[in-house]
């Protein structure tokens, strides 16, 4: 109660009421609002004694704080109109401000968008349900679940389809690297085949060399046997009146060398080593030369 005994209590309360309370100001604008489907319509009329054109701007704010500013159009002398599509339920605050003819005026209003009237009905509407069933080819169920047939087994099968483009695209992405690998990578089938034939062993290299040396020796012996021994020359006396023969020996006719027969299959490799075969071949050649001399 001490603040009520304060000497400035009355001036303070008076100023507070004047600041908070509504102040009636003289204005010449009148506003009319209504709803037309999903749009809100605002009509403002100017009753000023002097007829002047006003530039009116309408600001609309909903309960969530969303705001829009729309200019109003003149549809008749001293009459202006604006339409705004509504974006939800609730209350919309409207503020119209106009300037022109050396004056500025303001007027406020509101819209209230309530829920659809059908939400106020808490009972079913059989007539509407029957119309829906007739248009869609359905049926109206009764309140008794035993006779309504909700859980019967005579339902029709429903089939749905889904696009497979995504799966095809994934398959194509997987096939591209495979195609590049088939075109670029070369596979050595001989190497792969050798992996499965590890049991086969190669023969020693000396067997092939020994068979070649034996074949060469046999061909040489055959050629030497065909040539045969060379006959010695006879020394004849010189006859008078005859020119002595030149001291130069006459060239011996070259023996005809027959082409060797076609090579037959090489003999089976022996068990001797390469060195022993070479020594034996050298010994035979030396014996042949001594026999000729």
C-alpha atoms as a PDB file:
ATOM      1  CA  UNK A   1       0.000   0.000   0.000  1.00  0.00           C
ATOM      2  CA  UNK A   2       2.954   2.353   0.234  1.00  0.00           C
ATOM      3  CA  UNK A   3       2.994   2.981  -3.512  1.00  0.00           C
ATOM      4  CA  UNK A   4      -0.685   3.993  -3.339  1.00  0.00           C
ATOM      5  CA  UNK A   5       0.277   6.709  -0.863  1.00  0.00           C
ATOM      6  CA  UNK A   6       2.886   7.989  -3.269  1.00  0.00           C
ATOM      7  CA  UNK A   7       2.220  11.582  -4.289  1.00  0.00           C
ATOM      8  CA  UNK A   8       2.676  10.817  -7.994  1.00  0.00           C
ATOM      9  CA  UNK A   9       0.464   7.757  -7.935  1.00  0.00           C
ATOM     10  CA  UNK A  10      -2.517   9.385  -9.694  1.00  0.00           C
ATOM     11  CA  UNK A  11      -0.492  10.995 -12.542  1.00  0.00           C
ATOM     12  CA  UNK A  12       1.268   7.674 -13.088  1.00  0.00           C
ATOM     13  CA  UNK A  13      -1.943   5.650 -13.371  1.00  0.00           C
ATOM     14  CA  UNK A  14      -3.507   8.246 -15.674  1.00  0.00           C
ATOM     15  CA  UNK A  15      -0.577   8.208 -18.064  1.00  0.00           C
ATOM     16  CA  UNK A  16      -0.554   4.388 -18.018  1.00  0.00           C
ATOM     17  CA  UNK A  17      -4.220   4.133 -18.977  1.00  0.00           C
ATOM     18  CA  UNK A  18      -3.838   6.698 -21.750  1.00  0.00           C
ATOM     19  CA  UNK A  19      -0.863   4.819 -23.150  1.00  0.00           C
ATOM     20  CA  UNK A  20      -2.446   1.371 -23.050  1.00  0.00           C
ATOM     21  CA  UNK A  21      -6.059   2.217 -23.805  1.00  0.00           C
ATOM     22  CA  UNK A  22      -7.466   2.687 -27.318  1.00  0.00           C
ATOM     23  CA  UNK A  23      -7.447   6.139 -28.781  1.00  0.00           C
ATOM     24  CA  UNK A  24     -10.248   7.059 -31.110  1.00  0.00           C
ATOM     25  CA  UNK A  25      -8.957   8.937 -34.094  1.00  0.00           C
ATOM     26  CA  UNK A  26     -10.942  10.484 -36.853  1.00  0.00           C
ATOM     27  CA  UNK A  27     -10.600   8.523 -40.075  1.00  0.00           C
ATOM     28  CA  UNK A  28     -12.362   8.418 -43.421  1.00  0.00           C
ATOM     29  CA  UNK A  29     -11.568   4.806 -44.392  1.00  0.00           C
ATOM     30  CA  UNK A  30     -13.999   1.921 -43.920  1.00  0.00           C
ATOM     31  CA  UNK A  31     -12.993  -1.759 -44.287  1.00  0.00           C
ATOM     32  CA  UNK A  32     -15.069  -4.803 -45.226  1.00  0.00           C
ATOM     33  CA  UNK A  33     -13.565  -8.337 -45.133  1.00  0.00           C
ATOM     34  CA  UNK A  34     -14.991 -11.721 -46.138  1.00  0.00           C
ATOM     35  CA  UNK A  35     -13.842 -15.159 -47.330  1.00  0.00           C
ATOM     36  CA  UNK A  36     -14.409 -16.423 -50.859  1.00  0.00           C
ATOM     37  CA  UNK A  37     -13.444 -20.103 -51.045  1.00  0.00           C
ATOM     38  CA  UNK A  38      -9.734 -20.305 -50.328  1.00  0.00           C
ATOM     39  CA  UNK A  39      -9.151 -16.551 -50.711  1.00  0.00           C
ATOM     40  CA  UNK A  40      -9.615 -13.597 -48.417  1.00  0.00           C
ATOM     41  CA  UNK A  41     -11.157 -10.428 -49.867  1.00  0.00           C
ATOM     42  CA  UNK A  42     -10.622  -6.930 -48.437  1.00  0.00           C
ATOM     43  CA  UNK A  43     -12.611  -3.901 -49.647  1.00  0.00           C
ATOM     44  CA  UNK A  44     -11.717  -0.390 -48.424  1.00  0.00           C
ATOM     45  CA  UNK A  45     -13.874   2.711 -49.090  1.00  0.00           C
ATOM     46  CA  UNK A  46     -12.764   6.337 -48.746  1.00  0.00           C
ATOM     47  CA  UNK A  47     -15.335   8.817 -47.309  1.00  0.00           C
ATOM     48  CA  UNK A  48     -13.139  11.919 -47.283  1.00  0.00           C
ATOM     49  CA  UNK A  49     -14.912  15.120 -48.387  1.00  0.00           C
ATOM     50  CA  UNK A  50     -12.304  15.641 -51.055  1.00  0.00           C
ATOM     51  CA  UNK A  51     -12.038  12.954 -53.658  1.00  0.00           C
ATOM     52  CA  UNK A  52      -8.367  12.101 -54.031  1.00  0.00           C
ATOM     53  CA  UNK A  53      -6.612   8.960 -55.225  1.00  0.00           C
ATOM     54  CA  UNK A  54      -4.933   6.998 -52.425  1.00  0.00           C
ATOM     55  CA  UNK A  55      -2.031   4.608 -52.667  1.00  0.00           C
ATOM     56  CA  UNK A  56      -3.135   1.769 -50.355  1.00  0.00           C
ATOM     57  CA  UNK A  57      -0.859  -1.045 -49.142  1.00  0.00           C
ATOM     58  CA  UNK A  58      -2.283  -4.047 -47.260  1.00  0.00           C
ATOM     59  CA  UNK A  59      -0.126  -5.989 -44.768  1.00  0.00           C
ATOM     60  CA  UNK A  60      -1.386  -9.418 -43.616  1.00  0.00           C
ATOM     61  CA  UNK A  61       0.098 -11.404 -40.701  1.00  0.00           C
ATOM     62  CA  UNK A  62      -1.051 -14.816 -39.468  1.00  0.00           C
ATOM     63  CA  UNK A  63      -0.758 -16.355 -36.013  1.00  0.00           C
ATOM     64  CA  UNK A  64       2.550 -18.059 -36.909  1.00  0.00           C
ATOM     65  CA  UNK A  65       4.215 -14.762 -37.815  1.00  0.00           C
ATOM     66  CA  UNK A  66       4.131 -15.122 -41.591  1.00  0.00           C
ATOM     67  CA  UNK A  67       3.520 -11.732 -43.256  1.00  0.00           C
ATOM     68  CA  UNK A  68       2.802 -10.496 -46.773  1.00  0.00           C
ATOM     69  CA  UNK A  69       2.348  -7.015 -48.251  1.00  0.00           C
ATOM     70  CA  UNK A  70      -0.042  -6.590 -51.200  1.00  0.00           C
ATOM     71  CA  UNK A  71      -0.991  -3.364 -53.041  1.00  0.00           C
ATOM     72  CA  UNK A  72      -4.726  -2.663 -53.354  1.00  0.00           C
ATOM     73  CA  UNK A  73      -6.350  -1.874 -56.695  1.00  0.00           C
ATOM     74  CA  UNK A  74      -9.056   0.703 -57.306  1.00  0.00           C
ATOM     75  CA  UNK A  75     -12.175  -0.999 -58.643  1.00  0.00           C
ATOM     76  CA  UNK A  76     -14.523   2.003 -58.446  1.00  0.00           C
ATOM     77  CA  UNK A  77     -14.441   5.654 -57.372  1.00  0.00           C
ATOM     78  CA  UNK A  78     -13.300   5.777 -53.737  1.00  0.00           C
ATOM     79  CA  UNK A  79     -13.309   1.938 -53.542  1.00  0.00           C
ATOM     80  CA  UNK A  80     -10.246  -0.342 -53.382  1.00  0.00           C
ATOM     81  CA  UNK A  81      -9.983  -4.116 -53.296  1.00  0.00           C
ATOM     82  CA  UNK A  82      -7.319  -6.799 -52.686  1.00  0.00           C
ATOM     83  CA  UNK A  83      -7.404 -10.637 -52.709  1.00  0.00           C
ATOM     84  CA  UNK A  84      -5.021 -12.980 -50.933  1.00  0.00           C
ATOM     85  CA  UNK A  85      -4.893 -16.812 -51.018  1.00  0.00           C
ATOM     86  CA  UNK A  86      -5.021 -18.147 -47.473  1.00  0.00           C
ATOM     87  CA  UNK A  87      -2.370 -20.640 -46.346  1.00  0.00           C
ATOM     88  CA  UNK A  88      -3.831 -22.100 -43.172  1.00  0.00           C
ATOM     89  CA  UNK A  89      -6.341 -22.023 -40.371  1.00  0.00           C
ATOM     90  CA  UNK A  90      -6.502 -19.351 -37.671  1.00  0.00           C
ATOM     91  CA  UNK A  91      -6.687 -15.585 -37.402  1.00  0.00           C
ATOM     92  CA  UNK A  92      -5.161 -13.136 -39.913  1.00  0.00           C
ATOM     93  CA  UNK A  93      -4.432  -9.542 -38.882  1.00  0.00           C
ATOM     94  CA  UNK A  94      -4.924  -6.916 -41.610  1.00  0.00           C
ATOM     95  CA  UNK A  95      -3.444  -3.430 -41.644  1.00  0.00           C
ATOM     96  CA  UNK A  96      -4.148  -1.010 -44.528  1.00  0.00           C
ATOM     97  CA  UNK A  97      -2.232   2.232 -44.888  1.00  0.00           C
ATOM     98  CA  UNK A  98      -2.999   4.843 -47.542  1.00  0.00           C
ATOM     99  CA  UNK A  99      -1.247   8.033 -48.598  1.00  0.00           C
ATOM    100  CA  UNK A 100      -2.368  10.694 -51.028  1.00  0.00           C
ATOM    101  CA  UNK A 101      -3.801  14.221 -51.215  1.00  0.00           C
ATOM    102  CA  UNK A 102      -1.511  15.403 -48.427  1.00  0.00           C
ATOM    103  CA  UNK A 103      -2.862  12.955 -45.846  1.00  0.00           C
ATOM    104  CA  UNK A 104      -2.002   9.532 -44.416  1.00  0.00           C
ATOM    105  CA  UNK A 105      -4.636   7.194 -43.015  1.00  0.00           C
ATOM    106  CA  UNK A 106      -4.585   3.732 -41.483  1.00  0.00           C
ATOM    107  CA  UNK A 107      -7.236   1.132 -40.729  1.00  0.00           C
ATOM    108  CA  UNK A 108      -7.050  -2.369 -39.210  1.00  0.00           C
ATOM    109  CA  UNK A 109      -9.116  -5.515 -39.591  1.00  0.00           C
ATOM    110  CA  UNK A 110      -8.890  -9.300 -39.459  1.00  0.00           C
ATOM    111  CA  UNK A 111      -9.938 -12.620 -40.950  1.00  0.00           C
ATOM    112  CA  UNK A 112     -10.817 -15.708 -38.971  1.00  0.00           C
ATOM    113  CA  UNK A 113     -10.485 -18.975 -40.854  1.00  0.00           C
ATOM    114  CA  UNK A 114     -12.131 -21.729 -38.831  1.00  0.00           C
ATOM    115  CA  UNK A 115     -12.184 -25.449 -39.468  1.00  0.00           C
ATOM    116  CA  UNK A 116     -14.568 -26.947 -41.974  1.00  0.00           C
ATOM    117  CA  UNK A 117     -18.146 -27.199 -40.666  1.00  0.00           C
ATOM    118  CA  UNK A 118     -18.144 -30.939 -41.254  1.00  0.00           C
ATOM    119  CA  UNK A 119     -15.726 -31.336 -38.327  1.00  0.00           C
ATOM    120  CA  UNK A 120     -18.430 -30.032 -36.008  1.00  0.00           C
ATOM    121  CA  UNK A 121     -20.554 -33.108 -36.725  1.00  0.00           C
ATOM    122  CA  UNK A 122     -19.839 -36.022 -34.452  1.00  0.00           C
ATOM    123  CA  UNK A 123     -22.296 -38.429 -36.110  1.00  0.00           C
ATOM    124  CA  UNK A 124     -21.959 -40.266 -39.399  1.00  0.00           C
ATOM    125  CA  UNK A 125     -23.646 -39.114 -42.573  1.00  0.00           C
ATOM    126  CA  UNK A 126     -25.136 -42.229 -44.214  1.00  0.00           C
ATOM    127  CA  UNK A 127     -26.314 -40.323 -47.263  1.00  0.00           C
ATOM    128  CA  UNK A 128     -22.828 -39.115 -48.146  1.00  0.00           C
ATOM    129  CA  UNK A 129     -21.400 -42.584 -47.547  1.00  0.00           C
ATOM    130  CA  UNK A 130     -23.956 -44.131 -49.898  1.00  0.00           C
ATOM    131  CA  UNK A 131     -23.069 -41.596 -52.604  1.00  0.00           C
ATOM    132  CA  UNK A 132     -19.393 -42.391 -52.232  1.00  0.00           C
ATOM    133  CA  UNK A 133     -20.070 -46.140 -52.451  1.00  0.00           C
ATOM    134  CA  UNK A 134     -22.237 -45.686 -55.553  1.00  0.00           C
ATOM    135  CA  UNK A 135     -19.610 -43.599 -57.388  1.00  0.00           C
ATOM    136  CA  UNK A 136     -16.633 -45.779 -56.512  1.00  0.00           C
ATOM    137  CA  UNK A 137     -18.308 -49.175 -56.903  1.00  0.00           C
ATOM    138  CA  UNK A 138     -18.094 -50.064 -53.208  1.00  0.00           C
ATOM    139  CA  UNK A 139     -20.626 -51.058 -50.615  1.00  0.00           C
ATOM    140  CA  UNK A 140     -21.875 -49.687 -47.312  1.00  0.00           C
ATOM    141  CA  UNK A 141     -21.068 -51.871 -44.323  1.00  0.00           C
ATOM    142  CA  UNK A 142     -23.492 -52.401 -41.496  1.00  0.00           C
ATOM    143  CA  UNK A 143     -22.733 -51.772 -37.850  1.00  0.00           C
ATOM    144  CA  UNK A 144     -22.873 -55.505 -37.076  1.00  0.00           C
ATOM    145  CA  UNK A 145     -19.403 -56.996 -37.740  1.00  0.00           C
ATOM    146  CA  UNK A 146     -20.856 -60.499 -38.264  1.00  0.00           C
ATOM    147  CA  UNK A 147     -22.927 -59.383 -41.245  1.00  0.00           C
ATOM    148  CA  UNK A 148     -20.598 -56.757 -42.605  1.00  0.00           C
ATOM    149  CA  UNK A 149     -18.228 -59.295 -44.159  1.00  0.00           C
ATOM    150  CA  UNK A 150     -15.060 -57.391 -43.394  1.00  0.00           C
ATOM    151  CA  UNK A 151     -12.912 -60.435 -42.657  1.00  0.00           C
ATOM    152  CA  UNK A 152     -14.123 -62.723 -45.450  1.00  0.00           C
ATOM    153  CA  UNK A 153     -11.732 -64.635 -47.704  1.00  0.00           C
ATOM    154  CA  UNK A 154     -13.335 -63.659 -51.008  1.00  0.00           C
ATOM    155  CA  UNK A 155     -11.074 -60.676 -51.504  1.00  0.00           C
ATOM    156  CA  UNK A 156      -9.694 -59.893 -54.921  1.00  0.00           C
ATOM    157  CA  UNK A 157      -6.004 -60.138 -55.511  1.00  0.00           C
ATOM    158  CA  UNK A 158      -4.126 -56.911 -55.876  1.00  0.00           C
ATOM    159  CA  UNK A 159      -1.007 -56.596 -57.952  1.00  0.00           C
ATOM    160  CA  UNK A 160       1.456 -53.792 -57.932  1.00  0.00           C
ATOM    161  CA  UNK A 161       4.370 -53.057 -60.209  1.00  0.00           C
ATOM    162  CA  UNK A 162       7.643 -51.403 -59.427  1.00  0.00           C
ATOM    163  CA  UNK A 163      10.146 -49.975 -61.915  1.00  0.00           C
ATOM    164  CA  UNK A 164      13.302 -52.004 -62.575  1.00  0.00           C
ATOM    165  CA  UNK A 165      15.261 -49.178 -64.154  1.00  0.00           C
ATOM    166  CA  UNK A 166      17.427 -48.816 -61.048  1.00  0.00           C
ATOM    167  CA  UNK A 167      18.320 -52.513 -61.074  1.00  0.00           C
ATOM    168  CA  UNK A 168      19.147 -52.418 -64.795  1.00  0.00           C
ATOM    169  CA  UNK A 169      21.347 -49.383 -64.247  1.00  0.00           C
ATOM    170  CA  UNK A 170      23.243 -51.169 -61.469  1.00  0.00           C
ATOM    171  CA  UNK A 171      23.713 -54.219 -63.696  1.00  0.00           C
ATOM    172  CA  UNK A 172      25.059 -52.041 -66.510  1.00  0.00           C
ATOM    173  CA  UNK A 173      27.544 -50.427 -64.147  1.00  0.00           C
ATOM    174  CA  UNK A 174      28.795 -53.891 -63.151  1.00  0.00           C
ATOM    175  CA  UNK A 175      29.073 -55.088 -66.777  1.00  0.00           C
ATOM    176  CA  UNK A 176      31.203 -52.157 -67.980  1.00  0.00           C
ATOM    177  CA  UNK A 177      34.365 -53.197 -66.017  1.00  0.00           C
ATOM    178  CA  UNK A 178      33.806 -56.819 -67.084  1.00  0.00           C
ATOM    179  CA  UNK A 179      33.627 -55.800 -70.748  1.00  0.00           C
ATOM    180  CA  UNK A 180      36.831 -53.758 -70.452  1.00  0.00           C
ATOM    181  CA  UNK A 181      38.581 -56.696 -68.764  1.00  0.00           C
ATOM    182  CA  UNK A 182      37.581 -59.116 -71.542  1.00  0.00           C
ATOM    183  CA  UNK A 183      38.872 -56.741 -74.219  1.00  0.00           C
ATOM    184  CA  UNK A 184      42.144 -55.716 -72.543  1.00  0.00           C
ATOM    185  CA  UNK A 185      43.333 -58.675 -70.452  1.00  0.00           C
ATOM    186  CA  UNK A 186      45.083 -61.502 -72.362  1.00  0.00           C
ATOM    187  CA  UNK A 187      45.026 -64.920 -70.721  1.00  0.00           C
ATOM    188  CA  UNK A 188      47.948 -67.325 -71.281  1.00  0.00           C
ATOM    189  CA  UNK A 189      46.085 -70.594 -71.656  1.00  0.00           C
ATOM    190  CA  UNK A 190      49.371 -72.528 -72.025  1.00  0.00           C
ATOM    191  CA  UNK A 191      50.485 -71.335 -68.606  1.00  0.00           C
ATOM    192  CA  UNK A 192      47.151 -72.270 -67.114  1.00  0.00           C
ATOM    193  CA  UNK A 193      47.336 -75.683 -68.778  1.00  0.00           C
ATOM    194  CA  UNK A 194      50.802 -76.225 -67.325  1.00  0.00           C
ATOM    195  CA  UNK A 195      49.412 -75.728 -63.834  1.00  0.00           C
ATOM    196  CA  UNK A 196      47.228 -78.820 -64.293  1.00  0.00           C
ATOM    197  CA  UNK A 197      50.005 -80.951 -65.873  1.00  0.00           C
ATOM    198  CA  UNK A 198      52.628 -80.744 -63.154  1.00  0.00           C
ATOM    199  CA  UNK A 199      53.020 -84.534 -63.096  1.00  0.00           C
ATOM    200  CA  UNK A 200      54.718 -84.552 -66.513  1.00  0.00           C
ATOM    201  CA  UNK A 201      58.530 -84.298 -66.284  1.00  0.00           C
ATOM    202  CA  UNK A 202      60.927 -83.195 -68.968  1.00  0.00           C
ATOM    203  CA  UNK A 203      63.649 -85.631 -70.129  1.00  0.00           C
ATOM    204  CA  UNK A 204      67.323 -84.768 -69.728  1.00  0.00           C
ATOM    205  CA  UNK A 205      68.795 -82.513 -72.379  1.00  0.00           C
ATOM    206  CA  UNK A 206      71.813 -84.861 -72.900  1.00  0.00           C
ATOM    207  CA  UNK A 207      69.615 -87.497 -74.513  1.00  0.00           C
ATOM    208  CA  UNK A 208      68.719 -85.237 -77.435  1.00  0.00           C
ATOM    209  CA  UNK A 209      72.365 -84.155 -77.945  1.00  0.00           C
ATOM    210  CA  UNK A 210      73.603 -87.741 -77.782  1.00  0.00           C
ATOM    211  CA  UNK A 211      71.113 -88.908 -80.401  1.00  0.00           C
ATOM    212  CA  UNK A 212      72.234 -86.115 -82.753  1.00  0.00           C
ATOM    213  CA  UNK A 213      75.921 -87.055 -82.366  1.00  0.00           C
ATOM    214  CA  UNK A 214      75.218 -90.725 -83.034  1.00  0.00           C
ATOM    215  CA  UNK A 215      73.262 -89.809 -86.140  1.00  0.00           C
ATOM    216  CA  UNK A 216      76.119 -87.638 -87.402  1.00  0.00           C
ATOM    217  CA  UNK A 217      78.650 -90.425 -86.832  1.00  0.00           C
ATOM    218  CA  UNK A 218      76.516 -92.957 -88.711  1.00  0.00           C
ATOM    219  CA  UNK A 219      76.151 -90.672 -91.731  1.00  0.00           C
ATOM    220  CA  UNK A 220      79.943 -90.015 -91.789  1.00  0.00           C
ATOM    221  CA  UNK A 221      80.771 -93.722 -91.720  1.00  0.00           C
ATOM    222  CA  UNK A 222      78.342 -94.383 -94.541  1.00  0.00           C
ATOM    223  CA  UNK A 223      79.957 -91.723 -96.734  1.00  0.00           C
ATOM    224  CA  UNK A 224      83.499 -93.052 -96.061  1.00  0.00           C
ATOM    225  CA  UNK A 225      82.487 -96.607 -96.965  1.00  0.00           C
ATOM    226  CA  UNK A 226      81.063 -95.484-100.325  1.00  0.00           C
ATOM    227  CA  UNK A 227      84.233 -93.655-101.392  1.00  0.00           C
ATOM    228  CA  UNK A 228      86.484 -96.775-101.160  1.00  0.00           C
ATOM    229  CA  UNK A 229      90.431 -96.961-101.345  1.00  0.00           C
ATOM    230  CA  UNK A 230      92.346 -94.891-103.996  1.00  0.00           C
ATOM    231  CA  UNK A 231      94.393 -96.951-106.603  1.00  0.00           C
ATOM    232  CA  UNK A 232      98.201 -96.162-106.821  1.00  0.00           C
ATOM    233  CA  UNK A 233      99.586 -94.502-110.014  1.00  0.00           C
ATOM    234  CA  UNK A 234     101.913 -96.380-112.532  1.00  0.00           C
ATOM    235  CA  UNK A 235     105.200 -94.744-113.762  1.00  0.00           C
ATOM    236  CA  UNK A 236     105.641 -95.273-117.534  1.00  0.00           C
ATOM    237  CA  UNK A 237     108.798 -94.525-119.583  1.00  0.00           C
ATOM    238  CA  UNK A 238     109.174 -91.702-122.039  1.00  0.00           C
ATOM    239  CA  UNK A 239     108.954 -92.635-125.741  1.00  0.00           C
ATOM    240  CA  UNK A 240     111.098 -90.704-128.361  1.00  0.00           C
ATOM    241  CA  UNK A 241     108.983 -88.430-130.369  1.00  0.00           C
ATOM    242  CA  UNK A 242     106.336 -88.285-127.859  1.00  0.00           C
ATOM    243  CA  UNK A 243     105.843 -85.374-125.632  1.00  0.00           C
ATOM    244  CA  UNK A 244     106.282 -86.281-122.125  1.00  0.00           C
ATOM    245  CA  UNK A 245     103.269 -85.991-120.051  1.00  0.00           C
ATOM    246  CA  UNK A 246     103.098 -83.071-117.800  1.00  0.00           C
ATOM    247  CA  UNK A 247     104.305 -83.608-114.378  1.00  0.00           C
ATOM    248  CA  UNK A 248     101.134 -82.267-112.965  1.00  0.00           C
ATOM    249  CA  UNK A 249      98.871 -85.054-111.874  1.00  0.00           C
ATOM    250  CA  UNK A 250      95.595 -85.376-113.533  1.00  0.00           C
ATOM    251  CA  UNK A 251      92.692 -84.468-111.394  1.00  0.00           C
ATOM    252  CA  UNK A 252      90.933 -87.385-109.937  1.00  0.00           C
ATOM    253  CA  UNK A 253      87.308 -87.708-110.826  1.00  0.00           C
ATOM    254  CA  UNK A 254      85.150 -86.703-107.986  1.00  0.00           C
ATOM    255  CA  UNK A 255      83.211 -89.527-106.546  1.00  0.00           C
ATOM    256  CA  UNK A 256      79.566 -89.209-106.814  1.00  0.00           C
ATOM    257  CA  UNK A 257      78.094 -88.552-103.464  1.00  0.00           C
ATOM    258  CA  UNK A 258      74.691 -89.928-103.172  1.00  0.00           C
ATOM    259  CA  UNK A 259      72.254 -88.003-101.149  1.00  0.00           C
ATOM    260  CA  UNK A 260      71.699 -89.632 -97.788  1.00  0.00           C
ATOM    261  CA  UNK A 261      68.423 -91.372 -97.345  1.00  0.00           C
ATOM    262  CA  UNK A 262      65.693 -89.712 -95.454  1.00  0.00           C
ATOM    263  CA  UNK A 263      66.428 -89.525 -91.800  1.00  0.00           C
ATOM    264  CA  UNK A 264      64.758 -92.258 -89.935  1.00  0.00           C
ATOM    265  CA  UNK A 265      63.556 -92.076 -86.425  1.00  0.00           C
ATOM    266  CA  UNK A 266      66.436 -91.439 -83.998  1.00  0.00           C
ATOM    267  CA  UNK A 267      67.610 -94.464 -82.066  1.00  0.00           C
ATOM    268  CA  UNK A 268      66.596 -94.725 -78.484  1.00  0.00           C
ATOM    269  CA  UNK A 269      68.889 -92.789 -76.205  1.00  0.00           C
ATOM    270  CA  UNK A 270      71.564 -94.775 -74.484  1.00  0.00           C
ATOM    271  CA  UNK A 271      72.449 -94.589 -70.905  1.00  0.00           C
ATOM    272  CA  UNK A 272      76.044 -93.264 -71.579  1.00  0.00           C
ATOM    273  CA  UNK A 273      76.942 -89.696 -70.868  1.00  0.00           C
ATOM    274  CA  UNK A 274      77.768 -87.130 -73.551  1.00  0.00           C
ATOM    275  CA  UNK A 275      81.497 -87.091 -72.764  1.00  0.00           C
ATOM    276  CA  UNK A 276      81.922 -90.833 -73.164  1.00  0.00           C
ATOM    277  CA  UNK A 277      80.113 -90.740 -76.511  1.00  0.00           C
ATOM    278  CA  UNK A 278      82.401 -88.002 -77.837  1.00  0.00           C
ATOM    279  CA  UNK A 279      85.520 -89.929 -76.766  1.00  0.00           C
ATOM    280  CA  UNK A 280      84.287 -93.110 -78.428  1.00  0.00           C
ATOM    281  CA  UNK A 281      83.523 -91.280 -81.675  1.00  0.00           C
ATOM    282  CA  UNK A 282      87.024 -89.727 -81.686  1.00  0.00           C
ATOM    283  CA  UNK A 283      88.621 -93.131 -81.122  1.00  0.00           C
ATOM    284  CA  UNK A 284      86.722 -94.686 -84.047  1.00  0.00           C
ATOM    285  CA  UNK A 285      87.714 -91.852 -86.392  1.00  0.00           C
ATOM    286  CA  UNK A 286      91.400 -92.293 -85.463  1.00  0.00           C
ATOM    287  CA  UNK A 287      91.236 -96.024 -86.129  1.00  0.00           C
ATOM    288  CA  UNK A 288      89.682 -95.419 -89.575  1.00  0.00           C
ATOM    289  CA  UNK A 289      92.496 -93.021 -90.535  1.00  0.00           C
ATOM    290  CA  UNK A 290      95.179 -95.519 -89.478  1.00  0.00           C
ATOM    291  CA  UNK A 291      93.504 -98.261 -91.515  1.00  0.00           C
ATOM    292  CA  UNK A 292      93.530 -96.124 -94.671  1.00  0.00           C
ATOM    293  CA  UNK A 293      97.218 -95.304 -94.362  1.00  0.00           C
END
